[in-house]
PDB file of N, CA and C in Angstrom:
ATOM      1  N   MET A   1      -3.307  -2.111 -18.934  1.00  0.00           N
ATOM      2  CA  MET A   1      -2.060  -1.355 -18.785  1.00  0.00           C
ATOM      3  C   MET A   1      -2.090  -0.616 -17.443  1.00  0.00           C
ATOM      4  N   TYR A   2      -3.189   0.088 -17.174  1.00  0.00           N
ATOM      5  CA  TYR A   2      -3.282   0.824 -15.920  1.00  0.00           C
ATOM      6  C   TYR A   2      -3.965  -0.042 -14.878  1.00  0.00           C
ATOM      7  N   GLY A   3      -3.393  -0.179 -13.715  1.00  0.00           N
ATOM      8  CA  GLY A   3      -3.987  -1.003 -12.659  1.00  0.00           C
ATOM      9  C   GLY A   3      -2.879  -1.677 -11.878  1.00  0.00           C
ATOM     10  N   ALA A   4      -2.053  -2.439 -12.583  1.00  0.00           N
ATOM     11  CA  ALA A   4      -0.944  -3.130 -11.924  1.00  0.00           C
ATOM     12  C   ALA A   4       0.153  -2.129 -11.578  1.00  0.00           C
ATOM     13  N   ARG A   5       0.163  -0.988 -12.302  1.00  0.00           N
ATOM     14  CA  ARG A   5       1.202   0.016 -12.041  1.00  0.00           C
ATOM     15  C   ARG A   5       0.541   1.378 -11.891  1.00  0.00           C
ATOM     16  N   LEU A   6      -0.159   1.559 -10.791  1.00  0.00           N
ATOM     17  CA  LEU A   6      -0.861   2.835 -10.590  1.00  0.00           C
ATOM     18  C   LEU A   6       0.136   3.978 -10.477  1.00  0.00           C
ATOM     19  N   GLY A   7       1.334   3.679  -9.982  1.00  0.00           N
ATOM     20  CA  GLY A   7       2.341   4.728  -9.837  1.00  0.00           C
ATOM     21  C   GLY A   7       2.911   5.143 -11.181  1.00  0.00           C
ATOM     22  N   SER A   8       3.007   4.175 -12.113  1.00  0.00           N
ATOM     23  CA  SER A   8       3.600   4.476 -13.415  1.00  0.00           C
ATOM     24  C   SER A   8       2.543   4.912 -14.418  1.00  0.00           C
ATOM     25  N   CYS A   9       1.262   4.789 -14.047  1.00  0.00           N
ATOM     26  CA  CYS A   9       0.204   5.129 -14.996  1.00  0.00           C
ATOM     27  C   CYS A   9       0.287   6.606 -15.351  1.00  0.00           C
ATOM     28  N   ILE A  10       0.631   7.432 -14.363  1.00  0.00           N
ATOM     29  CA  ILE A  10       0.731   8.868 -14.630  1.00  0.00           C
ATOM     30  C   ILE A  10       1.900   9.144 -15.566  1.00  0.00           C
ATOM     31  N   ILE A  11       3.008   8.448 -15.339  1.00  0.00           N
ATOM     32  CA  ILE A  11       4.191   8.657 -16.180  1.00  0.00           C
ATOM     33  C   ILE A  11       3.907   8.189 -17.603  1.00  0.00           C
ATOM     34  N   GLU A  12       3.266   7.026 -17.737  1.00  0.00           N
ATOM     35  CA  GLU A  12       2.972   6.511 -19.078  1.00  0.00           C
ATOM     36  C   GLU A  12       1.984   7.424 -19.777  1.00  0.00           C
ATOM     37  N   ASN A  13       1.024   7.957 -19.028  1.00  0.00           N
ATOM     38  CA  ASN A  13       0.046   8.863 -19.620  1.00  0.00           C
ATOM     39  C   ASN A  13       0.742  10.134 -20.087  1.00  0.00           C
ATOM     40  N   PHE A  14       1.760  10.576 -19.350  1.00  0.00           N
ATOM     41  CA  PHE A  14       2.503  11.773 -19.730  1.00  0.00           C
ATOM     42  C   PHE A  14       3.255  11.545 -21.034  1.00  0.00           C
ATOM     43  N   PHE A  15       3.906  10.372 -21.139  1.00  0.00           N
ATOM     44  CA  PHE A  15       4.647  10.072 -22.363  1.00  0.00           C
ATOM     45  C   PHE A  15       3.690   9.894 -23.528  1.00  0.00           C
ATOM     46  N   MET A  16       2.531   9.281 -23.273  1.00  0.00           N
ATOM     47  CA  MET A  16       1.556   9.088 -24.342  1.00  0.00           C
ATOM     48  C   MET A  16       1.038  10.446 -24.807  1.00  0.00           C
ATOM     49  N   TYR A  17       0.891  11.391 -23.881  1.00  0.00           N
ATOM     50  CA  TYR A  17       0.434  12.732 -24.235  1.00  0.00           C
ATOM     51  C   TYR A  17       1.449  13.407 -25.165  1.00  0.00           C
ATOM     52  N   ILE A  18       2.728  13.211 -24.877  1.00  0.00           N
ATOM     53  CA  ILE A  18       3.774  13.790 -25.726  1.00  0.00           C
ATOM     54  C   ILE A  18       3.776  13.099 -27.088  1.00  0.00           C
ATOM     55  N   GLY A  19       3.534  11.775 -27.086  1.00  0.00           N
ATOM     56  CA  GLY A  19       3.550  11.034 -28.344  1.00  0.00           C
ATOM     57  C   GLY A  19       2.414  11.461 -29.260  1.00  0.00           C
ATOM     58  N   LEU A  20       1.297  11.889 -28.683  1.00  0.00           N
ATOM     59  CA  LEU A  20       0.161  12.301 -29.508  1.00  0.00           C
ATOM     60  C   LEU A  20       0.426  13.648 -30.148  1.00  0.00           C
ATOM     61  N   ARG A  21       1.346  14.420 -29.576  1.00  0.00           N
ATOM     62  CA  ARG A  21       1.605  15.747 -30.124  1.00  0.00           C
ATOM     63  C   ARG A  21       2.495  15.643 -31.342  1.00  0.00           C
TER      64      ARG A  21
END
């Protein structure tokens, strides 16, 4: 998931952080 979209990895990680809450 992370690698091909290094720019979006931060955004996806942010959304995943919200999803875990």
